[in-house]
Every structure is written in C-alpha cells, then in structure tokens.
PDB file of all heavy atoms in Angstrom:
ATOM      1  N   THR A   1      32.417  20.609 -39.945  1.00  0.00           N
ATOM      2  CA  THR A   1      31.387  19.633 -40.208  1.00  0.00           C
ATOM      3  C   THR A   1      30.871  18.907 -38.987  1.00  0.00           C
ATOM      4  O   THR A   1      29.683  18.611 -38.848  1.00  0.00           O
ATOM      5  CB  THR A   1      31.924  18.574 -41.259  1.00  0.00           C
ATOM      6  OG1 THR A   1      32.380  19.266 -42.397  1.00  0.00           O
ATOM      7  CG2 THR A   1      30.831  17.626 -41.664  1.00  0.00           C
ATOM      8  N   LYS A   2      31.775  18.668 -38.027  1.00  0.00           N
ATOM      9  CA  LYS A   2      31.434  18.034 -36.798  1.00  0.00           C
ATOM     10  C   LYS A   2      30.647  18.975 -35.850  1.00  0.00           C
ATOM     11  O   LYS A   2      29.726  18.507 -35.125  1.00  0.00           O
ATOM     12  CB  LYS A   2      32.644  17.642 -36.057  1.00  0.00           C
ATOM     13  CG  LYS A   2      33.418  16.440 -36.697  1.00  0.00           C
ATOM     14  CD  LYS A   2      34.764  16.243 -35.978  1.00  0.00           C
ATOM     15  CE  LYS A   2      35.580  15.145 -36.684  1.00  0.00           C
ATOM     16  NZ  LYS A   2      36.917  14.923 -36.045  1.00  0.00           N
ATOM     17  N   LYS A   3      30.817  20.293 -36.038  1.00  0.00           N
ATOM     18  CA  LYS A   3      30.137  21.251 -35.154  1.00  0.00           C
ATOM     19  C   LYS A   3      28.731  21.630 -35.661  1.00  0.00           C
ATOM     20  O   LYS A   3      27.859  21.934 -34.826  1.00  0.00           O
ATOM     21  CB  LYS A   3      30.970  22.519 -35.110  1.00  0.00           C
ATOM     22  CG  LYS A   3      32.281  22.471 -34.437  1.00  0.00           C
ATOM     23  CD  LYS A   3      32.995  23.822 -34.494  1.00  0.00           C
ATOM     24  CE  LYS A   3      34.411  23.744 -33.925  1.00  0.00           C
ATOM     25  NZ  LYS A   3      35.093  25.043 -34.032  1.00  0.00           N
ATOM     26  N   ASP A   4      28.528  21.577 -36.974  1.00  0.00           N
ATOM     27  CA  ASP A   4      27.217  22.031 -37.498  1.00  0.00           C
ATOM     28  C   ASP A   4      26.639  21.087 -38.529  1.00  0.00           C
ATOM     29  O   ASP A   4      27.287  20.790 -39.536  1.00  0.00           O
ATOM     30  CB  ASP A   4      27.478  23.416 -38.197  1.00  0.00           C
ATOM     31  CG  ASP A   4      26.165  24.170 -38.409  1.00  0.00           C
ATOM     32  OD1 ASP A   4      25.206  23.621 -38.896  1.00  0.00           O
ATOM     33  OD2 ASP A   4      26.126  25.423 -37.966  1.00  0.00           O
ATOM     34  N   LYS A   5      25.480  20.537 -38.237  1.00  0.00           N
ATOM     35  CA  LYS A   5      24.862  19.575 -39.098  1.00  0.00           C
ATOM     36  C   LYS A   5      24.425  20.097 -40.395  1.00  0.00           C
ATOM     37  O   LYS A   5      24.070  19.320 -41.367  1.00  0.00           O
ATOM     38  CB  LYS A   5      23.645  18.890 -38.311  1.00  0.00           C
ATOM     39  CG  LYS A   5      22.513  19.855 -38.067  1.00  0.00           C
ATOM     40  CD  LYS A   5      21.442  19.119 -37.385  1.00  0.00           C
ATOM     41  CE  LYS A   5      20.209  20.172 -37.092  1.00  0.00           C
ATOM     42  NZ  LYS A   5      19.120  19.452 -36.374  1.00  0.00           N
ATOM     43  N   ARG A   6      24.366  21.381 -40.560  1.00  0.00           N
ATOM     44  CA  ARG A   6      23.923  22.042 -41.833  1.00  0.00           C
ATOM     45  C   ARG A   6      25.077  21.996 -42.877  1.00  0.00           C
ATOM     46  O   ARG A   6      24.815  22.278 -44.111  1.00  0.00           O
ATOM     47  CB  ARG A   6      23.520  23.466 -41.621  1.00  0.00           C
ATOM     48  CG  ARG A   6      22.290  23.635 -40.711  1.00  0.00           C
ATOM     49  CD  ARG A   6      22.032  25.075 -40.343  1.00  0.00           C
ATOM     50  NE  ARG A   6      23.163  25.672 -39.614  1.00  0.00           N
ATOM     51  CZ  ARG A   6      23.186  26.954 -39.225  1.00  0.00           C
ATOM     52  NH1 ARG A   6      22.219  27.760 -39.506  1.00  0.00           N
ATOM     53  NH2 ARG A   6      24.248  27.458 -38.584  1.00  0.00           N
ATOM     54  N   ILE A   7      26.268  21.634 -42.451  1.00  0.00           N
ATOM     55  CA  ILE A   7      27.433  21.633 -43.350  1.00  0.00           C
ATOM     56  C   ILE A   7      27.614  20.285 -44.011  1.00  0.00           C
ATOM     57  O   ILE A   7      27.545  19.257 -43.347  1.00  0.00           O
ATOM     58  CB  ILE A   7      28.700  21.966 -42.579  1.00  0.00           C
ATOM     59  CG1 ILE A   7      28.638  23.433 -42.084  1.00  0.00           C
ATOM     60  CG2 ILE A   7      29.914  21.864 -43.506  1.00  0.00           C
ATOM     61  CD1 ILE A   7      29.827  23.918 -41.222  1.00  0.00           C
ATOM     62  N   LYS A   8      27.828  20.301 -45.369  1.00  0.00           N
ATOM     63  CA  LYS A   8      28.219  19.122 -46.089  1.00  0.00           C
ATOM     64  C   LYS A   8      29.632  19.395 -46.635  1.00  0.00           C
ATOM     65  O   LYS A   8      29.891  20.445 -47.154  1.00  0.00           O
ATOM     66  CB  LYS A   8      27.208  18.952 -47.279  1.00  0.00           C
ATOM     67  CG  LYS A   8      25.832  18.617 -46.909  1.00  0.00           C
ATOM     68  CD  LYS A   8      24.966  18.466 -48.158  1.00  0.00           C
ATOM     69  CE  LYS A   8      23.515  18.201 -47.875  1.00  0.00           C
ATOM     70  NZ  LYS A   8      22.686  18.156 -49.073  1.00  0.00           N
ATOM     71  N   TYR A   9      30.431  18.383 -46.554  1.00  0.00           N
ATOM     72  CA  TYR A   9      31.836  18.517 -46.964  1.00  0.00           C
ATOM     73  C   TYR A   9      32.145  17.490 -48.131  1.00  0.00           C
ATOM     74  O   TYR A   9      31.893  16.361 -47.964  1.00  0.00           O
ATOM     75  CB  TYR A   9      32.795  18.317 -45.825  1.00  0.00           C
ATOM     76  CG  TYR A   9      34.276  18.329 -46.226  1.00  0.00           C
ATOM     77  CD1 TYR A   9      34.829  19.415 -46.876  1.00  0.00           C
ATOM     78  CD2 TYR A   9      35.065  17.217 -46.041  1.00  0.00           C
ATOM     79  CE1 TYR A   9      36.179  19.447 -47.275  1.00  0.00           C
ATOM     80  CE2 TYR A   9      36.396  17.193 -46.485  1.00  0.00           C
ATOM     81  CZ  TYR A   9      36.950  18.300 -47.070  1.00  0.00           C
ATOM     82  OH  TYR A   9      38.215  18.322 -47.463  1.00  0.00           O
ATOM     83  N   ILE A  10      32.713  18.027 -49.207  1.00  0.00           N
ATOM     84  CA  ILE A  10      33.090  17.177 -50.316  1.00  0.00           C
ATOM     85  C   ILE A  10      34.514  17.448 -50.768  1.00  0.00           C
ATOM     86  O   ILE A  10      34.892  18.669 -50.885  1.00  0.00           O
ATOM     87  CB  ILE A  10      32.158  17.378 -51.535  1.00  0.00           C
ATOM     88  CG1 ILE A  10      30.712  17.012 -51.226  1.00  0.00           C
ATOM     89  CG2 ILE A  10      32.595  16.632 -52.750  1.00  0.00           C
ATOM     90  CD1 ILE A  10      29.844  18.193 -50.754  1.00  0.00           C
ATOM     91  N   PHE A  11      35.285  16.428 -50.956  1.00  0.00           N
ATOM     92  CA  PHE A  11      36.707  16.600 -51.410  1.00  0.00           C
ATOM     93  C   PHE A  11      36.722  16.089 -52.864  1.00  0.00           C
ATOM     94  O   PHE A  11      36.265  14.946 -53.183  1.00  0.00           O
ATOM     95  CB  PHE A  11      37.669  15.855 -50.588  1.00  0.00           C
ATOM     96  CG  PHE A  11      39.113  16.020 -50.981  1.00  0.00           C
ATOM     97  CD1 PHE A  11      39.895  17.033 -50.490  1.00  0.00           C
ATOM     98  CD2 PHE A  11      39.648  15.244 -51.979  1.00  0.00           C
ATOM     99  CE1 PHE A  11      41.202  17.235 -50.896  1.00  0.00           C
ATOM    100  CE2 PHE A  11      40.983  15.353 -52.383  1.00  0.00           C
ATOM    101  CZ  PHE A  11      41.754  16.402 -51.842  1.00  0.00           C
ATOM    102  N   THR A  12      37.313  16.882 -53.781  1.00  0.00           N
ATOM    103  CA  THR A  12      37.458  16.446 -55.112  1.00  0.00           C
ATOM    104  C   THR A  12      38.884  16.737 -55.606  1.00  0.00           C
ATOM    105  O   THR A  12      39.593  17.521 -54.996  1.00  0.00           O
ATOM    106  CB  THR A  12      36.516  17.188 -56.119  1.00  0.00           C
ATOM    107  OG1 THR A  12      36.910  18.594 -56.214  1.00  0.00           O
ATOM    108  CG2 THR A  12      35.102  17.132 -55.679  1.00  0.00           C
ATOM    109  N   GLU A  13      39.303  16.101 -56.645  1.00  0.00           N
ATOM    110  CA  GLU A  13      40.591  16.433 -57.300  1.00  0.00           C
ATOM    111  C   GLU A  13      40.488  17.854 -57.860  1.00  0.00           C
ATOM    112  O   GLU A  13      39.410  18.317 -58.191  1.00  0.00           O
ATOM    113  CB  GLU A  13      41.002  15.421 -58.339  1.00  0.00           C
ATOM    114  CG  GLU A  13      40.066  15.368 -59.538  1.00  0.00           C
ATOM    115  CD  GLU A  13      40.517  14.332 -60.584  1.00  0.00           C
ATOM    116  OE1 GLU A  13      40.317  13.116 -60.264  1.00  0.00           O
ATOM    117  OE2 GLU A  13      40.972  14.716 -61.594  1.00  0.00           O
ATOM    118  N   ASN A  14      41.635  18.460 -57.967  1.00  0.00           N
ATOM    119  CA  ASN A  14      41.688  19.881 -58.400  1.00  0.00           C
ATOM    120  C   ASN A  14      41.297  20.011 -59.857  1.00  0.00           C
ATOM    121  O   ASN A  14      41.910  19.504 -60.760  1.00  0.00           O
ATOM    122  CB  ASN A  14      43.026  20.458 -58.230  1.00  0.00           C
ATOM    123  CG  ASN A  14      43.181  21.893 -58.664  1.00  0.00           C
ATOM    124  OD1 ASN A  14      43.932  22.212 -59.528  1.00  0.00           O
ATOM    125  ND2 ASN A  14      42.454  22.780 -57.992  1.00  0.00           N
ATOM    126  N   LYS A  15      40.085  20.706 -60.067  1.00  0.00           N
ATOM    127  CA  LYS A  15      39.627  20.988 -61.439  1.00  0.00           C
ATOM    128  C   LYS A  15      39.297  22.439 -61.665  1.00  0.00           C
ATOM    129  O   LYS A  15      38.850  22.849 -62.735  1.00  0.00           O
ATOM    130  CB  LYS A  15      38.365  20.134 -61.670  1.00  0.00           C
ATOM    131  CG  LYS A  15      38.601  18.658 -61.705  1.00  0.00           C
ATOM    132  CD  LYS A  15      37.311  17.866 -62.022  1.00  0.00           C
ATOM    133  CE  LYS A  15      37.560  16.391 -62.048  1.00  0.00           C
ATOM    134  NZ  LYS A  15      36.266  15.630 -62.305  1.00  0.00           N
ATOM    135  N   GLY A  16      39.511  23.270 -60.616  1.00  0.00           N
ATOM    136  CA  GLY A  16      39.251  24.675 -60.764  1.00  0.00           C
ATOM    137  C   GLY A  16      37.905  25.096 -60.128  1.00  0.00           C
ATOM    138  O   GLY A  16      36.998  24.292 -59.836  1.00  0.00           O
ATOM    139  N   CYS A  17      37.788  26.400 -59.885  1.00  0.00           N
ATOM    140  CA  CYS A  17      36.668  26.998 -59.211  1.00  0.00           C
ATOM    141  C   CYS A  17      35.319  26.737 -59.917  1.00  0.00           C
ATOM    142  O   CYS A  17      34.282  26.402 -59.309  1.00  0.00           O
ATOM    143  CB  CYS A  17      36.864  28.499 -59.006  1.00  0.00           C
ATOM    144  SG  CYS A  17      35.521  29.297 -58.085  1.00  0.00           S
ATOM    145  N   SER A  18      35.322  26.853 -61.239  1.00  0.00           N
ATOM    146  CA  SER A  18      34.147  26.582 -62.021  1.00  0.00           C
ATOM    147  C   SER A  18      33.573  25.218 -61.825  1.00  0.00           C
ATOM    148  O   SER A  18      32.348  24.985 -61.609  1.00  0.00           O
ATOM    149  CB  SER A  18      34.383  26.836 -63.506  1.00  0.00           C
ATOM    150  OG  SER A  18      34.606  28.204 -63.795  1.00  0.00           O
ATOM    151  N   SER A  19      34.353  24.226 -61.884  1.00  0.00           N
ATOM    152  CA  SER A  19      34.005  22.846 -61.690  1.00  0.00           C
ATOM    153  C   SER A  19      33.425  22.601 -60.302  1.00  0.00           C
ATOM    154  O   SER A  19      32.485  21.884 -60.099  1.00  0.00           O
ATOM    155  CB  SER A  19      35.103  21.824 -61.916  1.00  0.00           C
ATOM    156  OG  SER A  19      35.470  21.869 -63.328  1.00  0.00           O
ATOM    157  N   ALA A  20      34.083  23.274 -59.309  1.00  0.00           N
ATOM    158  CA  ALA A  20      33.611  23.135 -57.885  1.00  0.00           C
ATOM    159  C   ALA A  20      32.223  23.755 -57.744  1.00  0.00           C
ATOM    160  O   ALA A  20      31.373  23.197 -57.122  1.00  0.00           O
ATOM    161  CB  ALA A  20      34.606  23.829 -56.993  1.00  0.00           C
ATOM    162  N   ARG A  21      31.987  24.960 -58.350  1.00  0.00           N
ATOM    163  CA  ARG A  21      30.706  25.549 -58.316  1.00  0.00           C
ATOM    164  C   ARG A  21      29.655  24.721 -58.997  1.00  0.00           C
ATOM    165  O   ARG A  21      28.553  24.615 -58.523  1.00  0.00           O
ATOM    166  CB  ARG A  21      30.746  26.979 -58.957  1.00  0.00           C
ATOM    167  CG  ARG A  21      31.478  28.032 -58.093  1.00  0.00           C
ATOM    168  CD  ARG A  21      31.594  29.308 -58.869  1.00  0.00           C
ATOM    169  NE  ARG A  21      32.233  30.377 -58.063  1.00  0.00           N
ATOM    170  CZ  ARG A  21      32.708  31.485 -58.604  1.00  0.00           C
ATOM    171  NH1 ARG A  21      32.663  31.685 -59.938  1.00  0.00           N
ATOM    172  NH2 ARG A  21      33.196  32.416 -57.834  1.00  0.00           N
ATOM    173  N   ASN A  22      30.021  24.143 -60.148  1.00  0.00           N
ATOM    174  CA  ASN A  22      29.090  23.287 -60.904  1.00  0.00           C
ATOM    175  C   ASN A  22      28.658  22.067 -60.078  1.00  0.00           C
ATOM    176  O   ASN A  22      27.488  21.649 -60.064  1.00  0.00           O
ATOM    177  CB  ASN A  22      29.699  22.886 -62.184  1.00  0.00           C
ATOM    178  CG  ASN A  22      29.836  24.062 -63.231  1.00  0.00           C
ATOM    179  OD1 ASN A  22      29.145  25.052 -63.060  1.00  0.00           O
ATOM    180  ND2 ASN A  22      30.743  23.889 -64.187  1.00  0.00           N
ATOM    181  N   LEU A  23      29.649  21.518 -59.357  1.00  0.00           N
ATOM    182  CA  LEU A  23      29.361  20.360 -58.503  1.00  0.00           C
ATOM    183  C   LEU A  23      28.388  20.792 -57.359  1.00  0.00           C
ATOM    184  O   LEU A  23      27.440  20.060 -57.059  1.00  0.00           O
ATOM    185  CB  LEU A  23      30.628  19.834 -57.905  1.00  0.00           C
ATOM    186  CG  LEU A  23      30.504  18.667 -56.910  1.00  0.00           C
ATOM    187  CD1 LEU A  23      29.859  17.432 -57.620  1.00  0.00           C
ATOM    188  CD2 LEU A  23      31.887  18.231 -56.414  1.00  0.00           C
ATOM    189  N   GLY A  24      28.590  21.982 -56.848  1.00  0.00           N
ATOM    190  CA  GLY A  24      27.764  22.591 -55.848  1.00  0.00           C
ATOM    191  C   GLY A  24      26.252  22.691 -56.382  1.00  0.00           C
ATOM    192  O   GLY A  24      25.316  22.406 -55.665  1.00  0.00           O
ATOM    193  N   ILE A  25      26.109  23.105 -57.615  1.00  0.00           N
ATOM    194  CA  ILE A  25      24.814  23.212 -58.212  1.00  0.00           C
ATOM    195  C   ILE A  25      24.123  21.856 -58.234  1.00  0.00           C
ATOM    196  O   ILE A  25      22.956  21.674 -57.911  1.00  0.00           O
ATOM    197  CB  ILE A  25      24.885  23.775 -59.666  1.00  0.00           C
ATOM    198  CG1 ILE A  25      25.326  25.255 -59.616  1.00  0.00           C
ATOM    199  CG2 ILE A  25      23.547  23.652 -60.394  1.00  0.00           C
ATOM    200  CD1 ILE A  25      25.656  25.872 -60.973  1.00  0.00           C
ATOM    201  N   ASP A  26      24.889  20.837 -58.646  1.00  0.00           N
ATOM    202  CA  ASP A  26      24.325  19.479 -58.841  1.00  0.00           C
ATOM    203  C   ASP A  26      23.995  18.855 -57.465  1.00  0.00           C
ATOM    204  O   ASP A  26      23.056  18.087 -57.353  1.00  0.00           O
ATOM    205  CB  ASP A  26      25.320  18.594 -59.567  1.00  0.00           C
ATOM    206  CG  ASP A  26      25.414  18.983 -61.052  1.00  0.00           C
ATOM    207  OD1 ASP A  26      24.456  19.563 -61.568  1.00  0.00           O
ATOM    208  OD2 ASP A  26      26.465  18.657 -61.630  1.00  0.00           O
ATOM    209  N   LEU A  27      24.746  19.192 -56.448  1.00  0.00           N
ATOM    210  CA  LEU A  27      24.534  18.563 -55.115  1.00  0.00           C
ATOM    211  C   LEU A  27      23.531  19.255 -54.243  1.00  0.00           C
ATOM    212  O   LEU A  27      23.004  18.710 -53.282  1.00  0.00           O
ATOM    213  CB  LEU A  27      25.832  18.486 -54.387  1.00  0.00           C
ATOM    214  CG  LEU A  27      26.958  17.572 -55.004  1.00  0.00           C
ATOM    215  CD1 LEU A  27      28.214  17.702 -54.143  1.00  0.00           C
ATOM    216  CD2 LEU A  27      26.450  16.129 -54.993  1.00  0.00           C
ATOM    217  N   SER A  28      23.258  20.545 -54.595  1.00  0.00           N
ATOM    218  CA  SER A  28      22.378  21.390 -53.753  1.00  0.00           C
ATOM    219  C   SER A  28      20.966  20.880 -53.740  1.00  0.00           C
ATOM    220  O   SER A  28      20.453  20.414 -54.725  1.00  0.00           O
ATOM    221  CB  SER A  28      22.458  22.811 -54.203  1.00  0.00           C
ATOM    222  OG  SER A  28      21.894  22.954 -55.532  1.00  0.00           O
ATOM    223  N   VAL A  29      20.289  21.129 -52.559  1.00  0.00           N
ATOM    224  CA  VAL A  29      18.851  20.773 -52.494  1.00  0.00           C
ATOM    225  C   VAL A  29      18.031  22.004 -52.179  1.00  0.00           C
ATOM    226  O   VAL A  29      16.752  21.878 -52.175  1.00  0.00           O
ATOM    227  CB  VAL A  29      18.613  19.658 -51.393  1.00  0.00           C
ATOM    228  CG1 VAL A  29      19.342  18.378 -51.762  1.00  0.00           C
ATOM    229  CG2 VAL A  29      19.087  20.251 -50.011  1.00  0.00           C
ATOM    230  N   GLY A  30      18.648  23.118 -52.019  1.00  0.00           N
ATOM    231  CA  GLY A  30      17.896  24.345 -51.766  1.00  0.00           C
ATOM    232  C   GLY A  30      17.147  24.924 -52.955  1.00  0.00           C
ATOM    233  O   GLY A  30      17.525  24.615 -54.117  1.00  0.00           O
ATOM    234  N   GLU A  31      16.151  25.672 -52.736  1.00  0.00           N
ATOM    235  CA  GLU A  31      15.407  26.304 -53.897  1.00  0.00           C
ATOM    236  C   GLU A  31      16.269  27.416 -54.516  1.00  0.00           C
ATOM    237  O   GLU A  31      16.126  27.770 -55.690  1.00  0.00           O
ATOM    238  CB  GLU A  31      14.084  26.936 -53.368  1.00  0.00           C
ATOM    239  CG  GLU A  31      13.102  25.916 -52.878  1.00  0.00           C
ATOM    240  CD  GLU A  31      11.854  26.572 -52.265  1.00  0.00           C
ATOM    241  OE1 GLU A  31      11.509  27.613 -52.751  1.00  0.00           O
ATOM    242  OE2 GLU A  31      11.266  25.963 -51.369  1.00  0.00           O
ATOM    243  N   TYR A  32      17.156  27.989 -53.713  1.00  0.00           N
ATOM    244  CA  TYR A  32      18.037  29.072 -54.178  1.00  0.00           C
ATOM    245  C   TYR A  32      19.482  28.719 -53.842  1.00  0.00           C
ATOM    246  O   TYR A  32      19.781  27.987 -52.953  1.00  0.00           O
ATOM    247  CB  TYR A  32      17.638  30.392 -53.527  1.00  0.00           C
ATOM    248  CG  TYR A  32      16.288  30.935 -54.028  1.00  0.00           C
ATOM    249  CD1 TYR A  32      15.082  30.489 -53.519  1.00  0.00           C
ATOM    250  CD2 TYR A  32      16.263  31.915 -55.061  1.00  0.00           C
ATOM    251  CE1 TYR A  32      13.859  30.975 -53.985  1.00  0.00           C
ATOM    252  CE2 TYR A  32      15.042  32.365 -55.584  1.00  0.00           C
ATOM    253  CZ  TYR A  32      13.835  31.894 -54.968  1.00  0.00           C
ATOM    254  OH  TYR A  32      12.676  32.357 -55.480  1.00  0.00           O
ATOM    255  N   ILE A  33      20.408  29.333 -54.594  1.00  0.00           N
ATOM    256  CA  ILE A  33      21.838  29.064 -54.480  1.00  0.00           C
ATOM    257  C   ILE A  33      22.599  30.363 -54.281  1.00  0.00           C
ATOM    258  O   ILE A  33      22.343  31.370 -54.981  1.00  0.00           O
ATOM    259  CB  ILE A  33      22.389  28.256 -55.689  1.00  0.00           C
ATOM    260  CG1 ILE A  33      21.677  26.959 -55.853  1.00  0.00           C
ATOM    261  CG2 ILE A  33      23.898  28.047 -55.530  1.00  0.00           C
ATOM    262  CD1 ILE A  33      22.155  26.127 -57.028  1.00  0.00           C
ATOM    263  N   TRP A  34      23.571  30.316 -53.340  1.00  0.00           N
ATOM    264  CA  TRP A  34      24.463  31.467 -53.143  1.00  0.00           C
ATOM    265  C   TRP A  34      25.907  30.984 -53.210  1.00  0.00           C
ATOM    266  O   TRP A  34      26.277  30.087 -52.483  1.00  0.00           O
ATOM    267  CB  TRP A  34      24.152  32.086 -51.790  1.00  0.00           C
ATOM    268  CG  TRP A  34      24.913  33.373 -51.464  1.00  0.00           C
ATOM    269  CD1 TRP A  34      25.674  34.113 -52.327  1.00  0.00           C
ATOM    270  CD2 TRP A  34      24.916  34.052 -50.193  1.00  0.00           C
ATOM    271  NE1 TRP A  34      26.187  35.188 -51.651  1.00  0.00           N
ATOM    272  CE2 TRP A  34      25.736  35.221 -50.362  1.00  0.00           C
ATOM    273  CE3 TRP A  34      24.328  33.842 -48.942  1.00  0.00           C
ATOM    274  CZ2 TRP A  34      25.875  36.134 -49.361  1.00  0.00           C
ATOM    275  CZ3 TRP A  34      24.466  34.758 -47.949  1.00  0.00           C
ATOM    276  CH2 TRP A  34      25.318  35.898 -48.150  1.00  0.00           C
ATOM    277  N   PHE A  35      26.705  31.528 -54.125  1.00  0.00           N
ATOM    278  CA  PHE A  35      28.114  31.174 -54.271  1.00  0.00           C
ATOM    279  C   PHE A  35      28.931  32.152 -53.439  1.00  0.00           C
ATOM    280  O   PHE A  35      28.865  33.326 -53.693  1.00  0.00           O
ATOM    281  CB  PHE A  35      28.529  31.230 -55.744  1.00  0.00           C
ATOM    282  CG  PHE A  35      27.737  30.308 -56.603  1.00  0.00           C
ATOM    283  CD1 PHE A  35      26.711  30.779 -57.387  1.00  0.00           C
ATOM    284  CD2 PHE A  35      28.032  28.920 -56.626  1.00  0.00           C
ATOM    285  CE1 PHE A  35      26.007  29.966 -58.249  1.00  0.00           C
ATOM    286  CE2 PHE A  35      27.287  28.063 -57.402  1.00  0.00           C
ATOM    287  CZ  PHE A  35      26.221  28.575 -58.222  1.00  0.00           C
ATOM    288  N   ILE A  36      29.704  31.626 -52.542  1.00  0.00           N
ATOM    289  CA  ILE A  36      30.582  32.420 -51.684  1.00  0.00           C
ATOM    290  C   ILE A  36      32.012  32.030 -51.884  1.00  0.00           C
ATOM    291  O   ILE A  36      32.333  30.832 -51.871  1.00  0.00           O
ATOM    292  CB  ILE A  36      30.206  32.293 -50.210  1.00  0.00           C
ATOM    293  CG1 ILE A  36      28.756  32.920 -49.963  1.00  0.00           C
ATOM    294  CG2 ILE A  36      31.243  33.023 -49.273  1.00  0.00           C
ATOM    295  CD1 ILE A  36      28.277  32.819 -48.481  1.00  0.00           C
ATOM    296  N   ASP A  37      32.964  32.964 -51.996  1.00  0.00           N
ATOM    297  CA  ASP A  37      34.362  32.660 -52.090  1.00  0.00           C
ATOM    298  C   ASP A  37      34.985  32.455 -50.685  1.00  0.00           C
ATOM    299  O   ASP A  37      34.667  33.114 -49.766  1.00  0.00           O
ATOM    300  CB  ASP A  37      35.111  33.763 -52.827  1.00  0.00           C
ATOM    301  CG  ASP A  37      34.810  33.856 -54.308  1.00  0.00           C
ATOM    302  OD1 ASP A  37      34.210  32.912 -54.827  1.00  0.00           O
ATOM    303  OD2 ASP A  37      35.262  34.787 -54.983  1.00  0.00           O
ATOM    304  N   SER A  38      35.938  31.496 -50.641  1.00  0.00           N
ATOM    305  CA  SER A  38      36.439  31.084 -49.319  1.00  0.00           C
ATOM    306  C   SER A  38      37.332  32.106 -48.662  1.00  0.00           C
ATOM    307  O   SER A  38      37.561  31.961 -47.421  1.00  0.00           O
ATOM    308  CB  SER A  38      37.195  29.767 -49.561  1.00  0.00           C
ATOM    309  OG  SER A  38      38.262  29.956 -50.415  1.00  0.00           O
ATOM    310  N   ASP A  39      37.802  33.112 -49.302  1.00  0.00           N
ATOM    311  CA  ASP A  39      38.530  34.144 -48.706  1.00  0.00           C
ATOM    312  C   ASP A  39      37.741  35.411 -48.354  1.00  0.00           C
ATOM    313  O   ASP A  39      38.256  36.388 -47.918  1.00  0.00           O
ATOM    314  CB  ASP A  39      39.776  34.546 -49.574  1.00  0.00           C
ATOM    315  CG  ASP A  39      39.415  34.890 -50.979  1.00  0.00           C
ATOM    316  OD1 ASP A  39      38.258  34.722 -51.357  1.00  0.00           O
ATOM    317  OD2 ASP A  39      40.263  35.356 -51.727  1.00  0.00           O
ATOM    318  N   ASP A  40      36.433  35.305 -48.576  1.00  0.00           N
ATOM    319  CA  ASP A  40      35.505  36.404 -48.199  1.00  0.00           C
ATOM    320  C   ASP A  40      34.667  36.055 -47.014  1.00  0.00           C
ATOM    321  O   ASP A  40      34.783  34.912 -46.544  1.00  0.00           O
ATOM    322  CB  ASP A  40      34.611  36.755 -49.433  1.00  0.00           C
ATOM    323  CG  ASP A  40      35.447  37.193 -50.630  1.00  0.00           C
ATOM    324  OD1 ASP A  40      36.505  37.726 -50.399  1.00  0.00           O
ATOM    325  OD2 ASP A  40      34.936  37.048 -51.732  1.00  0.00           O
ATOM    326  N   PHE A  41      33.776  36.899 -46.574  1.00  0.00           N
ATOM    327  CA  PHE A  41      32.833  36.577 -45.529  1.00  0.00           C
ATOM    328  C   PHE A  41      31.625  37.403 -45.619  1.00  0.00           C
ATOM    329  O   PHE A  41      31.622  38.463 -46.329  1.00  0.00           O
ATOM    330  CB  PHE A  41      33.516  36.785 -44.151  1.00  0.00           C
ATOM    331  CG  PHE A  41      33.953  38.176 -43.792  1.00  0.00           C
ATOM    332  CD1 PHE A  41      33.085  38.990 -42.996  1.00  0.00           C
ATOM    333  CD2 PHE A  41      35.149  38.706 -44.285  1.00  0.00           C
ATOM    334  CE1 PHE A  41      33.513  40.273 -42.659  1.00  0.00           C
ATOM    335  CE2 PHE A  41      35.502  40.016 -43.943  1.00  0.00           C
ATOM    336  CZ  PHE A  41      34.740  40.778 -43.207  1.00  0.00           C
TER     337      PHE A  41
END
C-alpha cells in the first residue's frame, strides 16, 4: 500500500471469501470488476 497509490487495503473480521468479495463490490469505483484469488497470479 505504501509503494503503490492504486492499492486500497481493508481489514475485516473473518467472514469468508464470499463476504470479502461482496465488500469489494460495494467499495469498488471501477466500471468493471475482476476477482482474483490471493494464491494465484
């Protein structure tokens, strides 16, 4: 987050991947959304 201004970081209590993705939908400002898993690239 310190290296790249395009990154937003949010910490939440553990609710599962679905809840995290849903939060991403609500917080996103882009016209399109891409969901990426953290163990992939």
